Amino acid sequence: MGLWHMDRATSEEFLEVYKGVLPEYHDMCSQLCTGASLVMEVRQENAVPALRQLMGPLDPEVAKHLRPGTVRAKYGVDRVQNAVHCTDLAEDGLLEVEYFFNILYNR
């Protein structure tokens, strides 16, 4: 677990996979720069699907209707301020852990 304060370049680098995919990309990058981010590596069998179940759908409004007990349903405001980033794929999770705990940590 670690606490990071990201600048614009770092947030864009981290979210680059969403550039051109999510219309909220630029707003999401800006949001990551507004304060500290708590970054965690979770290790367990089926960690990504389990965490995605806990976090809920990306859009908090959808989460409130489909999965009202999830983190995004309870704490999300909109698709940009949705309370939490959770990787989509196990392979991406490994890359994200590498990014924060090796690349950024050693800068």
C-alpha atoms as a PDB file:
ATOM      1  CA  MET A   1       0.000   0.000   0.000  1.00  0.00           C
ATOM      2  CA  GLY A   2       1.239   3.506  -0.742  1.00  0.00           C
ATOM      3  CA  LEU A   3       0.058   7.097  -0.904  1.00  0.00           C
ATOM      4  CA  TRP A   4       0.798   9.062  -4.080  1.00  0.00           C
ATOM      5  CA  HIS A   5       0.252  12.666  -5.145  1.00  0.00           C
ATOM      6  CA  MET A   6       0.113  12.616  -8.931  1.00  0.00           C
ATOM      7  CA  ASP A   7       0.879  15.476 -11.273  1.00  0.00           C
ATOM      8  CA  ARG A   8      -0.813  15.810 -14.662  1.00  0.00           C
ATOM      9  CA  ALA A   9       1.876  13.916 -16.574  1.00  0.00           C
ATOM     10  CA  THR A  10       1.756  10.995 -14.141  1.00  0.00           C
ATOM     11  CA  SER A  11      -2.039  10.784 -14.174  1.00  0.00           C
ATOM     12  CA  GLU A  12      -2.070  10.833 -17.991  1.00  0.00           C
ATOM     13  CA  GLU A  13       0.598   8.146 -18.115  1.00  0.00           C
ATOM     14  CA  PHE A  14      -1.304   5.957 -15.648  1.00  0.00           C
ATOM     15  CA  LEU A  15      -4.669   6.317 -17.409  1.00  0.00           C
ATOM     16  CA  GLU A  16      -3.252   6.238 -20.955  1.00  0.00           C
ATOM     17  CA  VAL A  17      -5.051   2.984 -21.745  1.00  0.00           C
ATOM     18  CA  TYR A  18      -8.369   4.894 -21.455  1.00  0.00           C
ATOM     19  CA  LYS A  19      -7.338   7.722 -23.801  1.00  0.00           C
ATOM     20  CA  GLY A  20      -9.700   7.712 -26.774  1.00  0.00           C
ATOM     21  CA  VAL A  21     -11.797   5.017 -25.076  1.00  0.00           C
ATOM     22  CA  LEU A  22     -13.546   6.886 -22.267  1.00  0.00           C
ATOM     23  CA  PRO A  23     -14.889  10.367 -23.014  1.00  0.00           C
ATOM     24  CA  GLU A  24     -14.079  11.288 -19.397  1.00  0.00           C
ATOM     25  CA  TYR A  25     -10.348  10.566 -19.849  1.00  0.00           C
ATOM     26  CA  HIS A  26      -9.138  14.179 -19.443  1.00  0.00           C
ATOM     27  CA  ASP A  27     -11.449  14.822 -16.497  1.00  0.00           C
ATOM     28  CA  MET A  28     -10.298  11.586 -14.867  1.00  0.00           C
ATOM     29  CA  CYS A  29      -6.670  12.689 -15.242  1.00  0.00           C
ATOM     30  CA  SER A  30      -7.517  16.027 -13.630  1.00  0.00           C
ATOM     31  CA  GLN A  31      -9.352  14.289 -10.790  1.00  0.00           C
ATOM     32  CA  LEU A  32      -6.322  12.164  -9.958  1.00  0.00           C
ATOM     33  CA  CYS A  33      -4.320  15.374  -9.453  1.00  0.00           C
ATOM     34  CA  THR A  34      -6.687  16.852  -6.849  1.00  0.00           C
ATOM     35  CA  GLY A  35      -5.287  15.004  -3.854  1.00  0.00           C
ATOM     36  CA  ALA A  36      -3.563  11.918  -2.592  1.00  0.00           C
ATOM     37  CA  SER A  37      -4.333   8.501  -4.042  1.00  0.00           C
ATOM     38  CA  LEU A  38      -4.171   5.445  -1.845  1.00  0.00           C
ATOM     39  CA  VAL A  39      -2.777   2.640  -3.983  1.00  0.00           C
ATOM     40  CA  MET A  40      -3.075  -0.988  -2.897  1.00  0.00           C
ATOM     41  CA  GLU A  41      -1.957  -4.301  -4.277  1.00  0.00           C
ATOM     42  CA  VAL A  42      -4.439  -6.988  -3.316  1.00  0.00           C
ATOM     43  CA  ARG A  43      -3.280 -10.576  -3.518  1.00  0.00           C
ATOM     44  CA  GLN A  44      -5.814 -13.345  -3.417  1.00  0.00           C
ATOM     45  CA  GLU A  45      -7.261 -15.905  -5.766  1.00  0.00           C
ATOM     46  CA  ASN A  46      -9.529 -14.128  -8.265  1.00  0.00           C
ATOM     47  CA  ALA A  47      -8.617 -10.731  -6.799  1.00  0.00           C
ATOM     48  CA  VAL A  48      -9.739  -8.663  -9.796  1.00  0.00           C
ATOM     49  CA  PRO A  49     -13.257 -10.108 -10.129  1.00  0.00           C
ATOM     50  CA  ALA A  50     -13.700 -10.031  -6.346  1.00  0.00           C
ATOM     51  CA  LEU A  51     -12.672  -6.379  -6.132  1.00  0.00           C
ATOM     52  CA  ARG A  52     -14.813  -5.431  -9.118  1.00  0.00           C
ATOM     53  CA  GLN A  53     -17.799  -7.013  -7.335  1.00  0.00           C
ATOM     54  CA  LEU A  54     -17.063  -4.897  -4.250  1.00  0.00           C
ATOM     55  CA  MET A  55     -16.488  -1.677  -6.216  1.00  0.00           C
ATOM     56  CA  GLY A  56     -19.511  -1.945  -8.516  1.00  0.00           C
ATOM     57  CA  PRO A  57     -20.141  -0.457 -11.973  1.00  0.00           C
ATOM     58  CA  LEU A  58     -18.049   2.528 -13.140  1.00  0.00           C
ATOM     59  CA  ASP A  59     -21.071   4.843 -13.166  1.00  0.00           C
ATOM     60  CA  PRO A  60     -22.329   5.424  -9.600  1.00  0.00           C
ATOM     61  CA  GLU A  61     -25.887   6.041 -10.862  1.00  0.00           C
ATOM     62  CA  VAL A  62     -25.900   2.606 -12.482  1.00  0.00           C
ATOM     63  CA  ALA A  63     -24.307   1.144  -9.357  1.00  0.00           C
ATOM     64  CA  LYS A  64     -27.042   2.632  -7.139  1.00  0.00           C
ATOM     65  CA  HIS A  65     -29.691   0.801  -9.155  1.00  0.00           C
ATOM     66  CA  LEU A  66     -27.945  -2.476  -9.921  1.00  0.00           C
ATOM     67  CA  ARG A  67     -25.552  -2.919  -6.989  1.00  0.00           C
ATOM     68  CA  PRO A  68     -26.585  -0.518  -4.185  1.00  0.00           C
ATOM     69  CA  GLY A  69     -24.220  -1.981  -1.591  1.00  0.00           C
ATOM     70  CA  THR A  70     -21.049  -1.327  -3.586  1.00  0.00           C
ATOM     71  CA  VAL A  71     -18.375   1.305  -2.941  1.00  0.00           C
ATOM     72  CA  ARG A  72     -19.249   3.336  -6.041  1.00  0.00           C
ATOM     73  CA  ALA A  73     -22.964   3.245  -5.258  1.00  0.00           C
ATOM     74  CA  LYS A  74     -22.323   4.551  -1.758  1.00  0.00           C
ATOM     75  CA  TYR A  75     -19.492   7.031  -2.350  1.00  0.00           C
ATOM     76  CA  GLY A  76     -19.344   7.820  -6.064  1.00  0.00           C
ATOM     77  CA  VAL A  77     -20.578  11.146  -7.422  1.00  0.00           C
ATOM     78  CA  ASP A  78     -20.321  10.598 -11.185  1.00  0.00           C
ATOM     79  CA  ARG A  79     -18.223   8.675 -13.727  1.00  0.00           C
ATOM     80  CA  VAL A  80     -15.186  10.853 -12.933  1.00  0.00           C
ATOM     81  CA  GLN A  81     -15.555  11.096  -9.162  1.00  0.00           C
ATOM     82  CA  ASN A  82     -16.555   7.484  -8.772  1.00  0.00           C
ATOM     83  CA  ALA A  83     -14.692   6.859  -5.499  1.00  0.00           C
ATOM     84  CA  VAL A  84     -12.231   4.238  -6.716  1.00  0.00           C
ATOM     85  CA  HIS A  85     -10.203   2.927  -9.628  1.00  0.00           C
ATOM     86  CA  CYS A  86     -10.238  -0.826  -9.998  1.00  0.00           C
ATOM     87  CA  THR A  87      -8.408  -2.557 -12.804  1.00  0.00           C
ATOM     88  CA  ASP A  88     -10.466  -4.374 -15.432  1.00  0.00           C
ATOM     89  CA  LEU A  89      -8.146  -7.304 -16.082  1.00  0.00           C
ATOM     90  CA  ALA A  90      -5.709  -9.297 -13.984  1.00  0.00           C
ATOM     91  CA  GLU A  91      -2.972  -8.534 -16.529  1.00  0.00           C
ATOM     92  CA  ASP A  92      -3.631  -4.798 -16.165  1.00  0.00           C
ATOM     93  CA  GLY A  93      -3.502  -5.141 -12.389  1.00  0.00           C
ATOM     94  CA  LEU A  94       0.018  -6.508 -12.649  1.00  0.00           C
ATOM     95  CA  LEU A  95       1.016  -3.571 -14.861  1.00  0.00           C
ATOM     96  CA  GLU A  96      -0.549  -1.065 -12.465  1.00  0.00           C
ATOM     97  CA  VAL A  97       1.260  -2.578  -9.484  1.00  0.00           C
ATOM     98  CA  GLU A  98       4.526  -2.432 -11.441  1.00  0.00           C
ATOM     99  CA  TYR A  99       3.828   1.189 -12.366  1.00  0.00           C
ATOM    100  CA  PHE A 100       3.239   2.418  -8.823  1.00  0.00           C
ATOM    101  CA  PHE A 101       5.446   0.204  -6.715  1.00  0.00           C
ATOM    102  CA  ASN A 102       8.448  -0.056  -9.017  1.00  0.00           C
ATOM    103  CA  ILE A 103       8.444   2.693 -11.648  1.00  0.00           C
ATOM    104  CA  LEU A 104       7.012   5.611  -9.628  1.00  0.00           C
ATOM    105  CA  TYR A 105       8.569   4.467  -6.379  1.00  0.00           C
ATOM    106  CA  ASN A 106      12.027   4.556  -7.962  1.00  0.00           C
ATOM    107  CA  ARG A 107      11.679   7.948  -9.706  1.00  0.00           C
END
